C-alpha cells in the first residue's frame, strides 16, 4: 500500500517542461565552467616566458630571443633588457594582444621576438658579466596587477675590438 501512495504523489513532468529544465541546467553548467576558467585566466595572465641567446658571450651580431605565452584574457607586455650593474639597456618591448572575446575565448596568445645586438648597444656597456632579462607583465584585472614573470640569463659582454685597452 505505501508504494501506491508514493506513486500517486510523484507525477512525471510533461516532456516539454523536462526538456526546458534540462537545457537550462546544461546552459548554467556551461556558463559556470566558462566563468571559472575566465577567472583563472584573469589571475594567471602570463603562463610562461622563455629567454635565450646565441651564446654566453655577447658581441655585435649576437641574437637574443624571447617568447611569451599569455592567457589571452588581457593585454600583456614583454620587455627584454641587458643589465649591467645599475645600467640597463632596453633591447625590445612588445605588447601582446588579447583575444577578440577576452572572457570567453580560452585560447592562449603567443609572441616571439628576436633582437640582433648592434655594436652601438654593446658600446654603451663595459666588457664583463651582465644579465639578459625578459619580463612578462600582465594588465590590471579586478583592481589587481599580477606580479611580473621574470627570466634572467647570465652573459658576458665581449671586449670590443674598436675600444682601446686604456678604456677597459
C-alpha atoms as a PDB file:
ATOM      1  CA  UNK A   1       0.000   0.000   0.000  1.00  0.00           C
ATOM      2  CA  UNK A   2       2.746   2.601   0.687  1.00  0.00           C
ATOM      3  CA  UNK A   3       4.133   2.125  -2.835  1.00  0.00           C
ATOM      4  CA  UNK A   4       0.808   3.037  -4.436  1.00  0.00           C
ATOM      5  CA  UNK A   5       0.501   6.073  -2.205  1.00  0.00           C
ATOM      6  CA  UNK A   6       4.004   7.421  -3.133  1.00  0.00           C
ATOM      7  CA  UNK A   7       3.358   6.695  -6.796  1.00  0.00           C
ATOM      8  CA  UNK A   8       0.352   9.000  -6.753  1.00  0.00           C
ATOM      9  CA  UNK A   9       2.328  11.860  -5.149  1.00  0.00           C
ATOM     10  CA  UNK A  10       5.156  11.990  -7.703  1.00  0.00           C
ATOM     11  CA  UNK A  11       3.718  12.622 -11.120  1.00  0.00           C
ATOM     12  CA  UNK A  12       6.124  12.641 -14.076  1.00  0.00           C
ATOM     13  CA  UNK A  13       6.863  16.049 -15.609  1.00  0.00           C
ATOM     14  CA  UNK A  14       5.450  16.719 -19.027  1.00  0.00           C
ATOM     15  CA  UNK A  15       8.018  16.177 -21.824  1.00  0.00           C
ATOM     16  CA  UNK A  16       8.426  19.837 -22.821  1.00  0.00           C
ATOM     17  CA  UNK A  17       8.978  21.099 -19.248  1.00  0.00           C
ATOM     18  CA  UNK A  18      11.565  18.423 -18.616  1.00  0.00           C
ATOM     19  CA  UNK A  19      13.476  19.404 -21.771  1.00  0.00           C
ATOM     20  CA  UNK A  20      13.430  23.100 -20.789  1.00  0.00           C
ATOM     21  CA  UNK A  21      14.702  22.242 -17.310  1.00  0.00           C
ATOM     22  CA  UNK A  22      17.480  20.060 -18.756  1.00  0.00           C
ATOM     23  CA  UNK A  23      18.505  22.742 -21.264  1.00  0.00           C
ATOM     24  CA  UNK A  24      18.574  25.394 -18.526  1.00  0.00           C
ATOM     25  CA  UNK A  25      20.700  23.155 -16.305  1.00  0.00           C
ATOM     26  CA  UNK A  26      23.120  22.438 -19.135  1.00  0.00           C
ATOM     27  CA  UNK A  27      23.350  26.147 -20.003  1.00  0.00           C
ATOM     28  CA  UNK A  28      24.045  27.032 -16.378  1.00  0.00           C
ATOM     29  CA  UNK A  29      26.761  24.359 -16.140  1.00  0.00           C
ATOM     30  CA  UNK A  30      28.474  25.650 -19.308  1.00  0.00           C
ATOM     31  CA  UNK A  31      28.246  29.254 -18.098  1.00  0.00           C
ATOM     32  CA  UNK A  32      29.804  28.281 -14.722  1.00  0.00           C
ATOM     33  CA  UNK A  33      32.658  26.460 -16.462  1.00  0.00           C
ATOM     34  CA  UNK A  34      33.376  29.486 -18.673  1.00  0.00           C
ATOM     35  CA  UNK A  35      33.224  31.845 -15.666  1.00  0.00           C
ATOM     36  CA  UNK A  36      35.635  29.746 -13.578  1.00  0.00           C
ATOM     37  CA  UNK A  37      38.059  29.393 -16.495  1.00  0.00           C
ATOM     38  CA  UNK A  38      37.860  33.112 -17.243  1.00  0.00           C
ATOM     39  CA  UNK A  39      38.563  33.971 -13.611  1.00  0.00           C
ATOM     40  CA  UNK A  40      41.581  31.687 -13.553  1.00  0.00           C
ATOM     41  CA  UNK A  41      42.888  33.317 -16.749  1.00  0.00           C
ATOM     42  CA  UNK A  42      42.433  36.795 -15.217  1.00  0.00           C
ATOM     43  CA  UNK A  43      44.541  35.861 -12.189  1.00  0.00           C
ATOM     44  CA  UNK A  44      47.280  33.926 -14.033  1.00  0.00           C
ATOM     45  CA  UNK A  45      47.765  36.016 -17.179  1.00  0.00           C
ATOM     46  CA  UNK A  46      51.389  35.244 -18.083  1.00  0.00           C
ATOM     47  CA  UNK A  47      51.767  31.489 -18.494  1.00  0.00           C
ATOM     48  CA  UNK A  48      55.448  31.372 -19.475  1.00  0.00           C
ATOM     49  CA  UNK A  49      58.414  33.498 -20.513  1.00  0.00           C
ATOM     50  CA  UNK A  50      61.460  31.992 -22.222  1.00  0.00           C
ATOM     51  CA  UNK A  51      64.787  33.697 -22.913  1.00  0.00           C
ATOM     52  CA  UNK A  52      67.799  32.518 -24.916  1.00  0.00           C
ATOM     53  CA  UNK A  53      70.885  33.890 -26.628  1.00  0.00           C
ATOM     54  CA  UNK A  54      73.150  32.523 -29.360  1.00  0.00           C
ATOM     55  CA  UNK A  55      75.951  32.183 -26.805  1.00  0.00           C
ATOM     56  CA  UNK A  56      77.029  33.186 -23.310  1.00  0.00           C
ATOM     57  CA  UNK A  57      79.385  35.784 -24.762  1.00  0.00           C
ATOM     58  CA  UNK A  58      77.542  38.681 -26.381  1.00  0.00           C
ATOM     59  CA  UNK A  59      79.209  40.510 -29.247  1.00  0.00           C
ATOM     60  CA  UNK A  60      77.903  42.534 -32.191  1.00  0.00           C
ATOM     61  CA  UNK A  61      75.632  40.289 -34.245  1.00  0.00           C
ATOM     62  CA  UNK A  62      74.653  38.035 -31.336  1.00  0.00           C
ATOM     63  CA  UNK A  63      70.941  37.210 -31.283  1.00  0.00           C
ATOM     64  CA  UNK A  64      68.671  37.321 -28.251  1.00  0.00           C
ATOM     65  CA  UNK A  65      65.324  35.522 -28.413  1.00  0.00           C
ATOM     66  CA  UNK A  66      62.362  35.850 -26.077  1.00  0.00           C
ATOM     67  CA  UNK A  67      58.994  34.112 -26.125  1.00  0.00           C
ATOM     68  CA  UNK A  68      55.890  34.727 -24.027  1.00  0.00           C
ATOM     69  CA  UNK A  69      52.641  32.787 -23.703  1.00  0.00           C
ATOM     70  CA  UNK A  70      49.681  34.563 -22.110  1.00  0.00           C
ATOM     71  CA  UNK A  71      46.133  33.587 -21.241  1.00  0.00           C
ATOM     72  CA  UNK A  72      44.701  35.947 -23.859  1.00  0.00           C
ATOM     73  CA  UNK A  73      42.340  37.438 -21.277  1.00  0.00           C
ATOM     74  CA  UNK A  74      44.108  40.834 -21.106  1.00  0.00           C
ATOM     75  CA  UNK A  75      46.900  42.764 -22.784  1.00  0.00           C
ATOM     76  CA  UNK A  76      50.361  41.761 -21.613  1.00  0.00           C
ATOM     77  CA  UNK A  77      53.757  43.347 -22.118  1.00  0.00           C
ATOM     78  CA  UNK A  78      57.124  41.724 -22.874  1.00  0.00           C
ATOM     79  CA  UNK A  79      60.373  43.600 -22.236  1.00  0.00           C
ATOM     80  CA  UNK A  80      63.884  42.358 -22.959  1.00  0.00           C
ATOM     81  CA  UNK A  81      66.805  44.267 -21.450  1.00  0.00           C
ATOM     82  CA  UNK A  82      70.531  43.912 -20.947  1.00  0.00           C
ATOM     83  CA  UNK A  83      71.502  44.811 -17.382  1.00  0.00           C
ATOM     84  CA  UNK A  84      74.994  45.514 -16.075  1.00  0.00           C
ATOM     85  CA  UNK A  85      75.151  46.849 -12.540  1.00  0.00           C
ATOM     86  CA  UNK A  86      72.886  49.902 -12.371  1.00  0.00           C
ATOM     87  CA  UNK A  87      72.941  50.370 -16.162  1.00  0.00           C
ATOM     88  CA  UNK A  88      70.016  48.970 -18.159  1.00  0.00           C
ATOM     89  CA  UNK A  89      69.717  48.868 -21.947  1.00  0.00           C
ATOM     90  CA  UNK A  90      66.207  48.132 -23.208  1.00  0.00           C
ATOM     91  CA  UNK A  91      66.593  45.870 -26.240  1.00  0.00           C
ATOM     92  CA  UNK A  92      62.944  45.313 -27.171  1.00  0.00           C
ATOM     93  CA  UNK A  93      59.448  45.910 -25.834  1.00  0.00           C
ATOM     94  CA  UNK A  94      56.249  44.454 -27.298  1.00  0.00           C
ATOM     95  CA  UNK A  95      52.565  44.489 -26.413  1.00  0.00           C
ATOM     96  CA  UNK A  96      50.905  41.066 -26.501  1.00  0.00           C
ATOM     97  CA  UNK A  97      47.309  41.407 -27.713  1.00  0.00           C
ATOM     98  CA  UNK A  98      44.312  39.842 -26.030  1.00  0.00           C
ATOM     99  CA  UNK A  99      41.722  37.636 -27.726  1.00  0.00           C
ATOM    100  CA  UNK A 100      38.739  39.105 -29.586  1.00  0.00           C
ATOM    101  CA  UNK A 101      36.399  37.862 -26.815  1.00  0.00           C
ATOM    102  CA  UNK A 102      38.710  38.057 -23.772  1.00  0.00           C
ATOM    103  CA  UNK A 103      36.468  36.454 -21.105  1.00  0.00           C
ATOM    104  CA  UNK A 104      35.015  33.759 -23.340  1.00  0.00           C
ATOM    105  CA  UNK A 105      37.907  32.744 -25.622  1.00  0.00           C
ATOM    106  CA  UNK A 106      40.280  30.406 -23.731  1.00  0.00           C
ATOM    107  CA  UNK A 107      42.980  30.216 -26.443  1.00  0.00           C
ATOM    108  CA  UNK A 108      46.439  31.407 -25.351  1.00  0.00           C
ATOM    109  CA  UNK A 109      48.319  34.191 -27.114  1.00  0.00           C
ATOM    110  CA  UNK A 110      51.943  33.662 -28.184  1.00  0.00           C
ATOM    111  CA  UNK A 111      54.568  36.267 -29.047  1.00  0.00           C
ATOM    112  CA  UNK A 112      58.192  35.712 -30.039  1.00  0.00           C
ATOM    113  CA  UNK A 113      60.823  38.298 -30.734  1.00  0.00           C
ATOM    114  CA  UNK A 114      64.453  38.246 -31.781  1.00  0.00           C
ATOM    115  CA  UNK A 115      66.930  41.075 -31.320  1.00  0.00           C
ATOM    116  CA  UNK A 116      70.303  41.189 -33.081  1.00  0.00           C
ATOM    117  CA  UNK A 117      72.719  43.183 -30.944  1.00  0.00           C
ATOM    118  CA  UNK A 118      74.173  46.228 -32.653  1.00  0.00           C
ATOM    119  CA  UNK A 119      77.686  47.482 -31.880  1.00  0.00           C
ATOM    120  CA  UNK A 120      76.203  50.774 -30.605  1.00  0.00           C
ATOM    121  CA  UNK A 121      74.232  48.964 -27.898  1.00  0.00           C
ATOM    122  CA  UNK A 122      77.216  46.976 -26.656  1.00  0.00           C
ATOM    123  CA  UNK A 123      79.460  50.065 -26.794  1.00  0.00           C
ATOM    124  CA  UNK A 124      77.335  51.614 -24.003  1.00  0.00           C
ATOM    125  CA  UNK A 125      78.251  48.699 -21.706  1.00  0.00           C
ATOM    126  CA  UNK A 126      81.543  47.619 -20.192  1.00  0.00           C
ATOM    127  CA  UNK A 127      83.132  44.276 -21.094  1.00  0.00           C
ATOM    128  CA  UNK A 128      82.419  41.686 -18.427  1.00  0.00           C
ATOM    129  CA  UNK A 129      79.490  39.996 -16.711  1.00  0.00           C
ATOM    130  CA  UNK A 130      75.921  41.137 -17.361  1.00  0.00           C
ATOM    131  CA  UNK A 131      72.379  39.767 -17.306  1.00  0.00           C
ATOM    132  CA  UNK A 132      69.816  39.399 -20.042  1.00  0.00           C
ATOM    133  CA  UNK A 133      66.379  39.929 -18.534  1.00  0.00           C
ATOM    134  CA  UNK A 134      62.950  39.181 -20.025  1.00  0.00           C
ATOM    135  CA  UNK A 135      59.925  40.443 -18.104  1.00  0.00           C
ATOM    136  CA  UNK A 136      56.308  39.495 -18.819  1.00  0.00           C
ATOM    137  CA  UNK A 137      53.788  41.866 -17.260  1.00  0.00           C
ATOM    138  CA  UNK A 138      50.017  41.348 -17.237  1.00  0.00           C
ATOM    139  CA  UNK A 139      47.300  44.011 -17.114  1.00  0.00           C
ATOM    140  CA  UNK A 140      45.041  45.081 -14.279  1.00  0.00           C
ATOM    141  CA  UNK A 141      42.079  42.758 -13.751  1.00  0.00           C
ATOM    142  CA  UNK A 142      39.714  43.109 -10.780  1.00  0.00           C
ATOM    143  CA  UNK A 143      41.806  46.010  -9.392  1.00  0.00           C
ATOM    144  CA  UNK A 144      44.879  43.764  -9.276  1.00  0.00           C
ATOM    145  CA  UNK A 145      48.012  43.729 -11.417  1.00  0.00           C
ATOM    146  CA  UNK A 146      49.614  40.273 -11.344  1.00  0.00           C
ATOM    147  CA  UNK A 147      53.268  40.070 -10.346  1.00  0.00           C
ATOM    148  CA  UNK A 148      55.688  40.129 -13.285  1.00  0.00           C
ATOM    149  CA  UNK A 149      57.211  36.913 -14.621  1.00  0.00           C
ATOM    150  CA  UNK A 150      60.988  37.395 -14.891  1.00  0.00           C
ATOM    151  CA  UNK A 151      63.599  35.232 -16.609  1.00  0.00           C
ATOM    152  CA  UNK A 152      67.301  36.050 -16.419  1.00  0.00           C
ATOM    153  CA  UNK A 153      70.312  34.718 -18.231  1.00  0.00           C
ATOM    154  CA  UNK A 154      73.904  35.430 -17.147  1.00  0.00           C
ATOM    155  CA  UNK A 155      76.091  36.535 -20.051  1.00  0.00           C
ATOM    156  CA  UNK A 156      79.478  38.108 -20.729  1.00  0.00           C
ATOM    157  CA  UNK A 157      79.893  41.274 -22.769  1.00  0.00           C
ATOM    158  CA  UNK A 158      82.780  40.710 -25.172  1.00  0.00           C
ATOM    159  CA  UNK A 159      85.530  43.296 -25.433  1.00  0.00           C
ATOM    160  CA  UNK A 160      85.021  45.472 -28.481  1.00  0.00           C
ATOM    161  CA  UNK A 161      87.928  45.445 -30.946  1.00  0.00           C
ATOM    162  CA  UNK A 162      87.370  49.184 -31.543  1.00  0.00           C
ATOM    163  CA  UNK A 163      87.741  50.058 -27.890  1.00  0.00           C
ATOM    164  CA  UNK A 164      91.327  50.912 -26.805  1.00  0.00           C
ATOM    165  CA  UNK A 165      92.833  48.900 -23.930  1.00  0.00           C
ATOM    166  CA  UNK A 166      93.037  52.021 -21.707  1.00  0.00           C
ATOM    167  CA  UNK A 167      89.175  52.297 -21.699  1.00  0.00           C
ATOM    168  CA  UNK A 168      88.634  48.797 -20.346  1.00  0.00           C
END
